[in-house]
Amino acid sequence: HVERPDGYSQTALDALAGDSLSQSAAAVPEGGQRPVNVIVIMNESFADLSVLPGVDSNVDAMPFIRSLSENTVKGYTYTSVFGGTTANSEYEFLTGNTTAFLPAGTVPYQMYVSDGDPSLVRQMKDLGYRCVASHPYRSSGWNRPSVYRDYGFDQVYFERDFQNRTYLRGDASSGYISDQCNFENLVHMYEHKQEGEPLFLFNVTMQNHSAYNMPWTNLDREVWLTGALEGRFSSVDQYFSLIRQTDRAFAYLIDYFSQVEEPTVILMFGDHQPQVATNFYTAVLGSDPEPALAQKKQMTPFVLWANYDIPERDGVALSLNYLSALLMETAGLPQTGYQRFLSELYRDLPVINTVGIQDRSGTWYGENEPLPEPLARRLEEYQMLQYNNIFDKSHRVESFFSLHE
């Protein structure tokens, strides 16, 4: 059960929505193009462990991704989950809602999603895109078939639908489909669409899923911990080598679409850091880290690339609930009123997750630490809008959460 926020009323909602209502047009980015193809990859357990203190490796696990700069926006997202509960990161990205306002331990995909709920999928459909979801694993996870139907995906593909399947750390019965195979299937989906047809492709990978003490089948040991941690955590060494494979596969994907004429945007981000050995995180963060250090455990990289001119940025830091608004803004696609609100809120509170909050000055606040009054008021506004979106659907301000004329 979620209590109605203090001050919640139709009058308050109308005032908030009126300040941010979406328009049917949006600014076209430099170069005058909007993407025909928008590809979003939520990469399982994709993280940059070098953000943790004292973590070094013999070689960089993601040299290609780190080298990207032209027509690229990149940085780090701060997720609300760690080591699992992938579906909550998926939910935050697709809706702009934060699980920080929801009861601990709940999974919105299993409790709060119903037919026609606003999401990035509905938004892209309203803009004329064919919307496809793909996940190279079983359909049984996290109630995805039902949620994807409620969100309005036109096609949904799971493991058995993938072509020429190749696996790392085992076979079809014990391993996970590689990112290389996964990305080759994304290319296949692109090549089999009609020329010029707008395509929104949402992909959730599987290669880097735990556990990290699996056989090294089809996986070379290329990257490992060095320094004081060398030889202590074999699970981290296996994880590093998996990320090296992801980096290579992403290089293949970017190389392919750099030669495609249709304007294309690709966004890849991690859903959470990996659940490697528990004592690894204790060794690098301590048993009771202060808020700024605790948030290191929530960081995952994101990279937003286009095969045409877009404004370039590096070092962007934001929580996952803001990432779809950034995608739409960068692509020059119309934003909903909710996304416009989130873009404004980001300037005051760039990180909001289940671990805490960061303000624009970089100050971190723990989960239950009070905010200064102006920031607390902004957070309450977000909470009211989210309550209306999730729990007061009969009175939802539909024109605010969806595109409208």
Protein backbone atom coordinates (compact mmCIF):
# COMPACT_ATOMS: atom_id res chain seq x y z
CA HIS A 1 0.00 0.00 0.00
CA VAL A 2 1.24 3.48 -0.89
CA GLU A 3 -0.18 6.45 1.00
CA ARG A 4 -1.46 9.47 -0.89
CA PRO A 5 1.21 12.20 -0.66
CA ASP A 6 0.55 15.25 1.52
CA GLY A 7 -0.94 18.09 -0.52
CA TYR A 8 -2.16 15.75 -3.25
CA SER A 9 -5.18 17.20 -5.08
CA GLN A 10 -6.47 17.74 -8.58
CA THR A 11 -5.68 21.43 -8.24
CA ALA A 12 -2.06 20.70 -7.34
CA LEU A 13 -1.77 18.24 -10.24
CA ASP A 14 -3.23 20.67 -12.73
CA ALA A 15 -0.79 23.36 -11.61
CA LEU A 16 2.21 21.03 -11.97
CA ALA A 17 1.06 19.65 -15.30
CA GLY A 18 0.29 23.10 -16.65
CA ASP A 19 3.90 24.14 -16.19
CA SER A 20 5.28 21.24 -18.22
CA LEU A 21 2.62 20.12 -20.71
CA SER A 22 4.11 18.57 -23.81
CA GLN A 23 3.77 20.05 -27.26
CA SER A 24 3.40 18.17 -30.53
CA ALA A 25 6.68 19.57 -31.83
CA ALA A 26 10.22 19.45 -30.50
CA ALA A 27 13.44 21.12 -31.47
CA VAL A 28 15.33 19.30 -34.18
CA PRO A 29 18.99 18.80 -33.21
CA GLU A 30 21.95 20.17 -35.10
CA GLY A 31 21.97 18.81 -38.62
CA GLY A 32 18.18 18.92 -38.91
CA GLN A 33 17.65 15.18 -38.49
CA ARG A 34 15.51 12.96 -36.35
CA PRO A 35 16.33 9.27 -36.09
CA VAL A 36 14.55 6.68 -38.19
CA ASN A 37 15.87 4.00 -35.83
CA VAL A 38 16.12 4.23 -32.04
CA ILE A 39 17.86 1.25 -30.46
CA VAL A 40 18.00 0.95 -26.66
CA ILE A 41 20.08 -1.79 -25.02
CA MET A 42 19.79 -2.43 -21.31
CA ASN A 43 22.91 -4.53 -20.81
CA GLU A 44 22.69 -7.08 -18.01
CA SER A 45 25.08 -6.31 -15.11
CA PHE A 46 27.08 -3.94 -17.33
CA ALA A 47 29.29 -1.85 -15.04
CA ASP A 48 32.65 -0.10 -14.81
CA LEU A 49 34.16 -1.41 -11.58
CA SER A 50 37.04 1.05 -11.86
CA VAL A 51 34.72 3.65 -10.26
CA LEU A 52 35.19 1.72 -7.00
CA PRO A 53 38.17 2.78 -4.85
CA GLY A 54 41.27 0.68 -5.25
CA VAL A 55 39.96 -1.40 -8.16
CA ASP A 56 42.54 -1.76 -10.95
CA SER A 57 42.98 -4.30 -13.73
CA ASN A 58 45.80 -5.42 -16.01
CA VAL A 59 44.06 -3.83 -19.04
CA ASP A 60 40.97 -1.70 -19.56
CA ALA A 61 37.90 -3.91 -19.95
CA MET A 62 36.05 -1.41 -22.17
CA PRO A 63 38.57 0.49 -24.32
CA PHE A 64 36.21 0.97 -27.27
CA ILE A 65 33.37 2.43 -25.23
CA ARG A 66 35.79 4.70 -23.40
CA SER A 67 37.21 5.90 -26.74
CA LEU A 68 33.86 7.04 -28.15
CA SER A 69 33.52 10.80 -28.33
CA GLU A 70 32.19 11.88 -31.73
CA ASN A 71 28.39 12.21 -31.80
CA THR A 72 28.32 10.64 -28.34
CA VAL A 73 26.78 11.47 -24.99
CA LYS A 74 28.06 9.32 -22.15
CA GLY A 75 28.49 9.11 -18.41
CA TYR A 76 27.03 7.15 -15.52
CA THR A 77 23.57 6.32 -14.31
CA TYR A 78 22.81 5.70 -10.64
CA THR A 79 20.50 2.71 -10.36
CA SER A 80 18.07 1.86 -7.57
CA VAL A 81 19.01 -1.83 -7.45
CA PHE A 82 22.22 -3.78 -6.98
CA GLY A 83 23.13 -7.27 -8.13
CA GLY A 84 19.63 -8.17 -9.33
CA THR A 85 15.98 -7.10 -9.74
CA THR A 86 16.74 -6.06 -13.30
CA ALA A 87 13.07 -5.35 -13.96
CA ASN A 88 13.11 -2.32 -11.65
CA SER A 89 15.81 -0.64 -13.73
CA GLU A 90 13.84 -1.49 -16.85
CA TYR A 91 10.73 0.05 -15.28
CA GLU A 92 12.49 3.25 -14.22
CA PHE A 93 13.91 3.76 -17.71
CA LEU A 94 10.70 3.06 -19.63
CA THR A 95 8.43 5.14 -17.36
CA GLY A 96 10.48 7.89 -15.73
CA ASN A 97 9.11 6.73 -12.38
CA THR A 98 11.49 6.10 -9.50
CA THR A 99 11.22 3.05 -7.27
CA ALA A 100 12.50 5.26 -4.43
CA PHE A 101 8.84 6.20 -3.81
CA LEU A 102 7.67 2.58 -3.75
CA PRO A 103 7.69 0.10 -0.84
CA ALA A 104 11.03 -1.64 -0.38
CA GLY A 105 11.23 -5.00 -2.11
CA THR A 106 8.37 -4.39 -4.55
CA VAL A 107 8.69 -5.05 -8.28
CA PRO A 108 6.39 -2.77 -10.32
CA TYR A 109 6.35 -5.24 -13.24
CA GLN A 110 4.61 -7.73 -10.94
CA MET A 111 2.28 -5.31 -9.15
CA TYR A 112 1.65 -1.89 -10.66
CA VAL A 113 1.55 -2.12 -14.49
CA SER A 114 -1.77 -2.30 -16.32
CA ASP A 115 -2.94 -2.06 -19.91
CA GLY A 116 -2.32 1.29 -21.53
CA ASP A 117 -0.03 2.71 -18.85
CA PRO A 118 2.13 5.57 -20.15
CA SER A 119 5.65 4.56 -21.12
CA LEU A 120 8.37 5.29 -23.64
CA VAL A 121 6.86 2.51 -25.76
CA ARG A 122 3.48 4.27 -26.09
CA GLN A 123 5.29 7.51 -26.80
CA MET A 124 7.29 5.98 -29.64
CA LYS A 125 4.17 4.34 -31.06
CA ASP A 126 2.43 7.73 -31.04
CA LEU A 127 5.38 9.05 -33.03
CA GLY A 128 4.89 6.36 -35.67
CA TYR A 129 7.62 3.91 -34.67
CA ARG A 130 7.16 0.15 -34.83
CA CYS A 131 8.10 -1.00 -31.34
CA VAL A 132 10.00 -4.26 -30.83
CA ALA A 133 11.23 -5.83 -27.58
CA SER A 134 13.88 -8.54 -27.53
CA HIS A 135 15.52 -10.51 -24.72
CA PRO A 136 17.77 -13.52 -25.40
CA TYR A 137 16.49 -15.54 -22.47
CA ARG A 138 13.30 -17.15 -21.24
CA SER A 139 9.97 -15.35 -21.32
CA SER A 140 9.22 -16.36 -17.74
CA GLY A 141 11.27 -13.62 -16.08
CA TRP A 142 9.64 -10.67 -14.32
CA ASN A 143 6.20 -10.98 -15.93
CA ARG A 144 7.64 -9.47 -19.12
CA PRO A 145 5.15 -10.90 -21.66
CA SER A 146 2.24 -9.30 -19.80
CA VAL A 147 4.06 -6.01 -19.20
CA TYR A 148 5.27 -5.77 -22.79
CA ARG A 149 1.70 -6.35 -23.96
CA ASP A 150 0.39 -3.66 -21.60
CA TYR A 151 3.02 -1.20 -22.80
CA GLY A 152 2.06 -1.87 -26.42
CA PHE A 153 5.08 -3.48 -28.07
CA ASP A 154 4.23 -4.62 -31.60
CA GLN A 155 6.57 -7.63 -31.52
CA VAL A 156 8.34 -9.41 -28.69
CA TYR A 157 11.21 -11.89 -29.09
CA PHE A 158 12.73 -14.22 -26.49
CA GLU A 159 15.58 -16.74 -26.55
CA ARG A 160 14.00 -19.29 -28.88
CA ASP A 161 13.39 -16.56 -31.47
CA PHE A 162 17.07 -15.62 -31.79
CA GLN A 163 18.96 -16.77 -34.88
CA ASN A 164 22.28 -18.70 -34.87
CA ARG A 165 22.55 -18.71 -31.09
CA THR A 166 26.02 -18.76 -29.53
CA TYR A 167 26.67 -18.97 -25.80
CA LEU A 168 29.35 -18.00 -23.30
CA ARG A 169 30.22 -19.99 -20.15
CA GLY A 170 28.26 -23.03 -21.24
CA ASP A 171 25.78 -24.22 -23.85
CA ALA A 172 22.05 -23.67 -24.40
CA SER A 173 21.25 -25.53 -21.18
CA SER A 174 23.74 -23.77 -18.90
CA GLY A 175 25.23 -20.65 -20.52
CA TYR A 176 23.96 -17.29 -21.73
CA ILE A 177 23.65 -15.96 -25.27
CA SER A 178 26.62 -13.74 -26.03
CA ASP A 179 26.29 -10.02 -26.61
CA GLN A 180 27.88 -10.53 -30.03
CA CYS A 181 25.12 -12.96 -31.01
CA ASN A 182 22.53 -10.69 -29.45
CA PHE A 183 23.73 -7.65 -31.40
CA GLU A 184 23.90 -9.64 -34.64
CA ASN A 185 20.23 -10.41 -34.11
CA LEU A 186 19.49 -6.70 -33.64
CA VAL A 187 21.16 -6.09 -37.00
CA HIS A 188 19.05 -8.90 -38.48
CA MET A 189 15.87 -7.25 -37.18
CA TYR A 190 16.95 -3.94 -38.69
CA GLU A 191 17.81 -5.48 -42.05
CA HIS A 192 14.41 -7.16 -42.29
CA LYS A 193 12.32 -4.05 -41.76
CA GLN A 194 10.98 -1.90 -44.57
CA GLU A 195 13.37 0.81 -45.74
CA GLY A 196 12.52 4.08 -44.05
CA GLU A 197 10.17 2.49 -41.52
CA PRO A 198 10.67 4.10 -38.08
CA LEU A 199 11.86 1.42 -35.65
CA PHE A 200 12.14 1.51 -31.86
CA LEU A 201 14.03 -1.54 -30.65
CA PHE A 202 14.32 -2.24 -26.91
CA ASN A 203 16.76 -5.00 -26.04
CA VAL A 204 17.67 -6.55 -22.68
CA THR A 205 20.87 -8.63 -22.85
CA MET A 206 21.86 -11.70 -20.83
CA GLN A 207 25.57 -12.44 -21.38
CA ASN A 208 26.85 -10.83 -18.17
CA HIS A 209 24.33 -12.36 -15.76
CA SER A 210 25.60 -13.93 -12.54
CA ALA A 211 27.05 -16.21 -11.37
CA TYR A 212 30.70 -15.45 -12.04
CA ASN A 213 32.20 -18.78 -10.99
CA MET A 214 30.87 -20.56 -14.10
CA PRO A 215 33.06 -22.51 -16.58
CA TRP A 216 35.19 -20.37 -18.90
CA THR A 217 33.65 -22.06 -21.95
CA ASN A 218 34.14 -19.84 -25.03
CA LEU A 219 35.51 -17.08 -22.77
CA ASP A 220 39.19 -16.15 -22.62
CA ARG A 221 40.68 -14.90 -19.35
CA GLU A 222 41.89 -11.53 -20.62
CA VAL A 223 41.25 -9.07 -17.78
CA TRP A 224 41.91 -9.52 -14.08
CA LEU A 225 42.33 -7.58 -10.87
CA THR A 226 45.76 -6.17 -10.11
CA GLY A 227 47.32 -4.41 -7.14
CA ALA A 228 46.24 -5.29 -3.61
CA LEU A 229 43.20 -7.21 -4.87
CA GLU A 230 45.00 -9.43 -7.38
CA GLY A 231 44.25 -13.12 -7.00
CA ARG A 232 41.65 -12.58 -4.26
CA PHE A 233 38.41 -12.53 -6.26
CA SER A 234 38.23 -14.93 -9.21
CA SER A 235 34.58 -14.00 -9.79
CA VAL A 236 35.63 -10.40 -10.51
CA ASP A 237 38.22 -11.66 -13.00
CA GLN A 238 35.55 -13.59 -14.87
CA TYR A 239 33.26 -10.58 -14.80
CA PHE A 240 35.98 -8.30 -16.22
CA SER A 241 36.55 -10.73 -19.10
CA LEU A 242 32.82 -10.73 -19.87
CA ILE A 243 32.80 -6.93 -20.05
CA ARG A 244 35.69 -7.10 -22.50
CA GLN A 245 33.46 -9.23 -24.75
CA THR A 246 30.64 -6.70 -24.41
CA ASP A 247 33.00 -3.91 -25.47
CA ARG A 248 34.00 -5.84 -28.59
CA ALA A 249 30.41 -6.64 -29.46
CA PHE A 250 29.39 -3.00 -29.05
CA ALA A 251 32.24 -1.98 -31.35
CA TYR A 252 30.79 -4.34 -33.97
CA LEU A 253 27.32 -2.78 -33.56
CA ILE A 254 28.58 0.80 -33.81
CA ASP A 255 30.74 -0.05 -36.83
CA TYR A 256 27.73 -1.56 -38.58
CA PHE A 257 25.39 1.38 -37.99
CA SER A 258 28.09 3.94 -38.79
CA GLN A 259 27.73 2.67 -42.37
CA VAL A 260 23.92 2.82 -42.39
CA GLU A 261 22.30 5.77 -44.21
CA GLU A 262 19.16 5.93 -42.07
CA PRO A 263 19.68 8.25 -39.07
CA THR A 264 20.09 5.94 -36.09
CA VAL A 265 20.50 6.49 -32.36
CA ILE A 266 21.84 3.76 -30.07
CA LEU A 267 21.69 3.95 -26.27
CA MET A 268 23.30 1.30 -24.06
CA PHE A 269 23.29 1.31 -20.26
CA GLY A 270 23.75 -1.12 -17.39
CA ASP A 271 20.86 -2.21 -15.18
CA HIS A 272 22.98 -2.69 -12.04
CA GLN A 273 26.43 -3.65 -10.81
CA PRO A 274 27.22 -7.38 -10.60
CA GLN A 275 26.73 -9.53 -7.53
CA VAL A 276 30.24 -10.88 -7.42
CA ALA A 277 31.73 -12.02 -4.11
CA THR A 278 30.05 -10.11 -1.27
CA ASN A 279 33.33 -9.56 0.52
CA PHE A 280 34.69 -7.83 -2.60
CA TYR A 281 32.40 -4.86 -2.02
CA THR A 282 33.17 -4.88 1.70
CA ALA A 283 36.88 -4.84 0.86
CA VAL A 284 36.62 -1.76 -1.37
CA LEU A 285 33.77 0.20 0.28
CA GLY A 286 33.84 -0.91 3.90
CA SER A 287 30.93 -2.33 5.87
CA ASP A 288 29.03 0.94 6.40
CA PRO A 289 29.99 3.50 3.73
CA GLU A 290 28.79 7.09 3.94
CA PRO A 291 26.24 8.20 1.27
CA ALA A 292 28.68 9.38 -1.41
CA LEU A 293 30.68 6.16 -1.18
CA ALA A 294 27.58 3.95 -0.98
CA GLN A 295 26.40 5.40 -4.29
CA LYS A 296 29.56 4.09 -6.01
CA LYS A 297 27.90 0.67 -5.81
CA GLN A 298 24.92 1.98 -7.82
CA MET A 299 26.88 3.39 -10.78
CA THR A 300 26.64 1.90 -14.27
CA PRO A 301 27.88 3.40 -17.55
CA PHE A 302 25.66 4.66 -20.32
CA VAL A 303 26.61 5.62 -23.86
CA LEU A 304 24.30 7.38 -26.34
CA TRP A 305 25.63 7.43 -29.89
CA ALA A 306 24.26 8.55 -33.25
CA ASN A 307 25.43 8.02 -36.82
CA TYR A 308 24.76 11.71 -37.52
CA ASP A 309 25.64 14.97 -35.80
CA ILE A 310 24.40 15.38 -32.23
CA PRO A 311 25.78 17.61 -29.46
CA GLU A 312 28.55 15.74 -27.65
CA ARG A 313 28.81 15.45 -23.86
CA ASP A 314 30.95 13.45 -21.48
CA GLY A 315 30.81 12.94 -17.73
CA VAL A 316 27.02 13.12 -17.49
CA ALA A 317 25.70 11.77 -14.18
CA LEU A 318 22.01 11.07 -13.56
CA SER A 319 19.71 8.50 -12.02
CA LEU A 320 18.00 6.03 -14.28
CA ASN A 321 14.55 7.66 -14.10
CA TYR A 322 15.93 10.60 -16.14
CA LEU A 323 17.60 8.61 -18.90
CA SER A 324 14.67 8.27 -21.32
CA ALA A 325 14.05 12.03 -21.13
CA LEU A 326 17.71 12.59 -22.03
CA LEU A 327 17.34 10.16 -24.95
CA MET A 328 14.33 12.01 -26.36
CA GLU A 329 15.93 15.41 -25.88
CA THR A 330 19.17 14.34 -27.58
CA ALA A 331 17.28 12.71 -30.46
CA GLY A 332 15.16 15.82 -30.97
CA LEU A 333 11.93 13.87 -30.49
CA PRO A 334 8.82 15.29 -28.78
CA GLN A 335 8.83 14.95 -25.00
CA THR A 336 5.82 14.38 -22.79
CA GLY A 337 4.97 16.86 -20.08
CA TYR A 338 6.30 14.34 -17.56
CA GLN A 339 9.65 14.19 -19.37
CA ARG A 340 9.82 17.97 -19.46
CA PHE A 341 9.16 18.03 -15.73
CA LEU A 342 11.89 15.43 -15.18
CA SER A 343 14.35 17.43 -17.30
CA GLU A 344 13.74 20.43 -15.05
CA LEU A 345 13.90 18.36 -11.87
CA TYR A 346 17.23 16.90 -13.01
CA ARG A 347 18.79 20.36 -12.74
CA ASP A 348 17.97 20.48 -9.01
CA LEU A 349 18.20 16.79 -8.09
CA PRO A 350 20.33 14.93 -10.67
CA VAL A 351 20.20 11.65 -8.70
CA ILE A 352 17.15 10.14 -7.00
CA ASN A 353 17.30 6.45 -6.14
CA THR A 354 16.60 4.03 -3.33
CA VAL A 355 19.99 4.72 -1.74
CA GLY A 356 19.66 8.50 -1.54
CA ILE A 357 19.67 11.81 -3.39
CA GLN A 358 22.22 14.20 -4.86
CA ASP A 359 21.58 17.92 -5.34
CA ARG A 360 22.99 20.21 -8.00
CA SER A 361 25.98 21.17 -5.83
CA GLY A 362 27.03 17.50 -5.59
CA THR A 363 25.93 17.07 -1.97
CA TRP A 364 24.68 13.56 -1.19
CA TYR A 365 21.80 12.81 1.17
CA GLY A 366 21.20 9.35 2.61
CA GLU A 367 17.93 7.49 2.12
CA ASN A 368 16.18 9.00 5.17
CA GLU A 369 18.19 12.20 5.47
CA PRO A 370 16.05 15.38 5.25
CA LEU A 371 16.51 17.72 2.30
CA PRO A 372 16.58 21.53 2.47
CA GLU A 373 13.06 22.96 2.08
CA PRO A 374 13.20 24.05 -1.59
CA LEU A 375 14.55 20.65 -2.66
CA ALA A 376 12.10 18.79 -0.42
CA ARG A 377 9.26 20.67 -2.14
CA ARG A 378 10.55 19.67 -5.58
CA LEU A 379 10.75 16.06 -4.49
CA GLU A 380 7.17 16.23 -3.18
CA GLU A 381 6.00 17.50 -6.57
CA TYR A 382 7.61 14.50 -8.25
CA GLN A 383 6.01 12.19 -5.70
CA MET A 384 2.55 13.65 -6.36
CA LEU A 385 2.88 13.25 -10.13
CA GLN A 386 4.14 9.69 -9.78
CA TYR A 387 1.30 8.80 -7.42
CA ASN A 388 -1.17 10.11 -9.98
CA ASN A 389 0.52 8.09 -12.70
CA ILE A 390 0.66 4.77 -10.81
CA PHE A 391 -2.00 4.72 -8.09
CA ASP A 392 -4.72 7.18 -9.15
CA LYS A 393 -5.17 6.00 -12.72
CA SER A 394 -8.86 6.93 -12.90
CA HIS A 395 -7.83 10.57 -12.39
CA ARG A 396 -4.54 10.41 -14.27
CA VAL A 397 -3.66 13.59 -16.18
CA GLU A 398 -3.32 11.67 -19.44
CA SER A 399 -2.25 14.66 -21.54
CA PHE A 400 0.69 15.18 -19.19
CA PHE A 401 2.03 11.63 -19.27
CA SER A 402 1.46 11.02 -23.00
CA LEU A 403 1.95 12.97 -26.21
CA HIS A 404 -1.04 14.95 -27.38
CA GLU A 405 -1.97 17.42 -30.06
